[in-house]
Amino acid sequence: MNKQTTEINVKNLCSRKLWEILKNAEWQNSSQRFAIEQELSGRRHYLEELEGLTVKETRH
């Protein structure tokens, strides 16, 4: 199977799109997820939602 990895340029995406990718687990690996989380934190959008998502992830 030929799996293609797509790099996400988080600087070029709007906050809403980044949130959708993160929320829907459409990131490809942990480094992409981290980059999205850091970008959203830096933009200060979705901070409460981001914290809530992190709490949910640690409960599993």
N, C-alpha and C. Protein backbone atom coordinates (compact mmCIF):
# COMPACT_ATOMS: atom_id res chain seq x y z
N MET A 1 0.84 -1.17 0.00
CA MET A 1 0.00 0.00 0.00
C MET A 1 0.88 1.23 0.00
N ASN A 2 0.59 2.16 -0.86
CA ASN A 2 1.35 3.39 -0.97
C ASN A 2 0.64 4.48 -0.19
N LYS A 3 1.19 4.81 0.99
CA LYS A 3 0.58 5.83 1.83
C LYS A 3 1.30 7.15 1.62
N GLN A 4 0.54 8.16 1.29
CA GLN A 4 1.12 9.46 1.00
C GLN A 4 0.92 10.38 2.20
N THR A 5 2.00 10.98 2.68
CA THR A 5 1.93 11.89 3.80
C THR A 5 1.87 13.32 3.28
N THR A 6 0.90 14.05 3.75
CA THR A 6 0.74 15.44 3.34
C THR A 6 1.15 16.34 4.48
N GLU A 7 2.08 17.22 4.22
CA GLU A 7 2.50 18.18 5.23
C GLU A 7 1.48 19.30 5.30
N ILE A 8 1.15 19.70 6.50
CA ILE A 8 0.22 20.79 6.72
C ILE A 8 1.02 22.04 7.05
N ASN A 9 0.81 23.09 6.27
CA ASN A 9 1.46 24.36 6.56
C ASN A 9 0.50 25.16 7.43
N VAL A 10 0.70 25.06 8.74
CA VAL A 10 -0.24 25.65 9.69
C VAL A 10 -0.30 27.16 9.60
N LYS A 11 0.74 27.80 9.13
CA LYS A 11 0.75 29.26 9.02
C LYS A 11 -0.18 29.76 7.91
N ASN A 12 -0.45 28.91 6.92
CA ASN A 12 -1.28 29.32 5.80
C ASN A 12 -2.75 28.99 5.95
N LEU A 13 -3.11 28.30 7.02
CA LEU A 13 -4.51 27.92 7.22
C LEU A 13 -5.16 28.82 8.25
N CYS A 14 -6.45 29.05 8.07
CA CYS A 14 -7.19 29.85 9.04
C CYS A 14 -7.40 29.04 10.32
N SER A 15 -7.68 29.74 11.38
CA SER A 15 -7.86 29.09 12.68
C SER A 15 -9.00 28.09 12.66
N ARG A 16 -10.08 28.43 11.99
CA ARG A 16 -11.22 27.51 11.93
C ARG A 16 -10.85 26.20 11.26
N LYS A 17 -10.08 26.26 10.17
CA LYS A 17 -9.66 25.05 9.47
C LYS A 17 -8.71 24.23 10.34
N LEU A 18 -7.79 24.90 11.01
CA LEU A 18 -6.88 24.19 11.91
C LEU A 18 -7.66 23.50 13.01
N TRP A 19 -8.66 24.18 13.57
CA TRP A 19 -9.47 23.58 14.63
C TRP A 19 -10.21 22.36 14.10
N GLU A 20 -10.76 22.45 12.90
CA GLU A 20 -11.47 21.31 12.32
C GLU A 20 -10.54 20.11 12.13
N ILE A 21 -9.35 20.35 11.64
CA ILE A 21 -8.36 19.28 11.46
C ILE A 21 -8.04 18.63 12.79
N LEU A 22 -7.82 19.46 13.81
CA LEU A 22 -7.47 18.94 15.13
C LEU A 22 -8.64 18.19 15.75
N LYS A 23 -9.81 18.79 15.72
CA LYS A 23 -11.00 18.21 16.36
C LYS A 23 -11.40 16.89 15.70
N ASN A 24 -11.28 16.82 14.39
CA ASN A 24 -11.68 15.63 13.65
C ASN A 24 -10.55 14.61 13.50
N ALA A 25 -9.44 14.85 14.18
CA ALA A 25 -8.28 13.95 14.15
C ALA A 25 -7.81 13.66 12.72
N GLU A 26 -7.74 14.71 11.91
CA GLU A 26 -7.30 14.56 10.52
C GLU A 26 -5.79 14.79 10.37
N TRP A 27 -5.09 14.98 11.47
CA TRP A 27 -3.64 15.13 11.42
C TRP A 27 -3.01 13.76 11.22
N GLN A 28 -1.82 13.75 10.64
CA GLN A 28 -1.19 12.49 10.24
C GLN A 28 -0.28 11.89 11.30
N ASN A 29 0.29 12.72 12.15
CA ASN A 29 1.21 12.22 13.17
C ASN A 29 1.24 13.20 14.34
N SER A 30 1.91 12.82 15.39
CA SER A 30 1.92 13.65 16.60
C SER A 30 2.61 14.99 16.38
N SER A 31 3.58 15.05 15.49
CA SER A 31 4.24 16.33 15.25
C SER A 31 3.31 17.31 14.52
N GLN A 32 2.46 16.80 13.63
CA GLN A 32 1.47 17.67 12.99
C GLN A 32 0.46 18.17 14.02
N ARG A 33 0.02 17.26 14.88
CA ARG A 33 -0.94 17.67 15.92
C ARG A 33 -0.32 18.74 16.81
N PHE A 34 0.92 18.55 17.21
CA PHE A 34 1.60 19.52 18.05
C PHE A 34 1.71 20.88 17.35
N ALA A 35 2.06 20.87 16.07
CA ALA A 35 2.18 22.11 15.31
C ALA A 35 0.85 22.86 15.25
N ILE A 36 -0.24 22.13 15.05
CA ILE A 36 -1.56 22.74 15.01
C ILE A 36 -1.92 23.32 16.37
N GLU A 37 -1.68 22.56 17.43
CA GLU A 37 -1.97 23.04 18.78
C GLU A 37 -1.17 24.30 19.10
N GLN A 38 0.10 24.31 18.74
CA GLN A 38 0.94 25.46 19.01
C GLN A 38 0.49 26.69 18.22
N GLU A 39 0.12 26.49 16.97
CA GLU A 39 -0.35 27.60 16.15
C GLU A 39 -1.64 28.19 16.71
N LEU A 40 -2.57 27.33 17.07
CA LEU A 40 -3.83 27.83 17.64
C LEU A 40 -3.58 28.53 18.98
N SER A 41 -2.69 28.00 19.78
CA SER A 41 -2.37 28.63 21.06
C SER A 41 -1.76 30.01 20.84
N GLY A 42 -0.89 30.10 19.85
CA GLY A 42 -0.27 31.38 19.54
C GLY A 42 -1.26 32.41 19.02
N ARG A 43 -2.25 31.95 18.30
CA ARG A 43 -3.27 32.85 17.78
C ARG A 43 -4.31 33.19 18.84
N ARG A 44 -4.33 32.41 19.90
CA ARG A 44 -5.24 32.58 21.02
C ARG A 44 -6.70 32.36 20.65
N HIS A 45 -6.94 31.65 19.55
CA HIS A 45 -8.29 31.24 19.18
C HIS A 45 -8.51 29.83 19.70
N TYR A 46 -9.70 29.54 20.06
CA TYR A 46 -10.09 28.20 20.49
C TYR A 46 -9.31 27.70 21.71
N LEU A 47 -8.86 28.60 22.56
CA LEU A 47 -8.07 28.17 23.72
C LEU A 47 -8.87 27.29 24.67
N GLU A 48 -10.10 27.69 24.98
CA GLU A 48 -10.91 26.88 25.89
C GLU A 48 -11.22 25.52 25.28
N GLU A 49 -11.55 25.50 23.98
CA GLU A 49 -11.85 24.24 23.31
C GLU A 49 -10.61 23.35 23.25
N LEU A 50 -9.47 23.96 23.01
CA LEU A 50 -8.21 23.22 22.93
C LEU A 50 -7.89 22.57 24.28
N GLU A 51 -8.09 23.31 25.36
CA GLU A 51 -7.87 22.75 26.69
C GLU A 51 -8.85 21.61 26.96
N GLY A 52 -10.10 21.77 26.56
CA GLY A 52 -11.09 20.72 26.74
C GLY A 52 -10.75 19.47 25.95
N LEU A 53 -10.26 19.64 24.74
CA LEU A 53 -9.87 18.51 23.90
C LEU A 53 -8.69 17.77 24.52
N THR A 54 -7.76 18.50 25.06
CA THR A 54 -6.59 17.90 25.70
C THR A 54 -7.01 17.09 26.92
N VAL A 55 -7.94 17.61 27.68
CA VAL A 55 -8.42 16.89 28.86
C VAL A 55 -9.09 15.60 28.44
N LYS A 56 -9.92 15.64 27.39
CA LYS A 56 -10.59 14.44 26.91
C LYS A 56 -9.59 13.39 26.44
N GLU A 57 -8.55 13.82 25.75
CA GLU A 57 -7.54 12.90 25.22
C GLU A 57 -6.78 12.19 26.34
N THR A 58 -6.53 12.87 27.44
CA THR A 58 -5.76 12.26 28.52
C THR A 58 -6.60 11.27 29.31
N ARG A 59 -7.91 11.35 29.22
CA ARG A 59 -8.78 10.42 29.94
C ARG A 59 -8.83 9.06 29.29
N HIS A 60 -8.50 8.95 28.01
CA HIS A 60 -8.61 7.68 27.28
C HIS A 60 -7.47 6.77 27.59
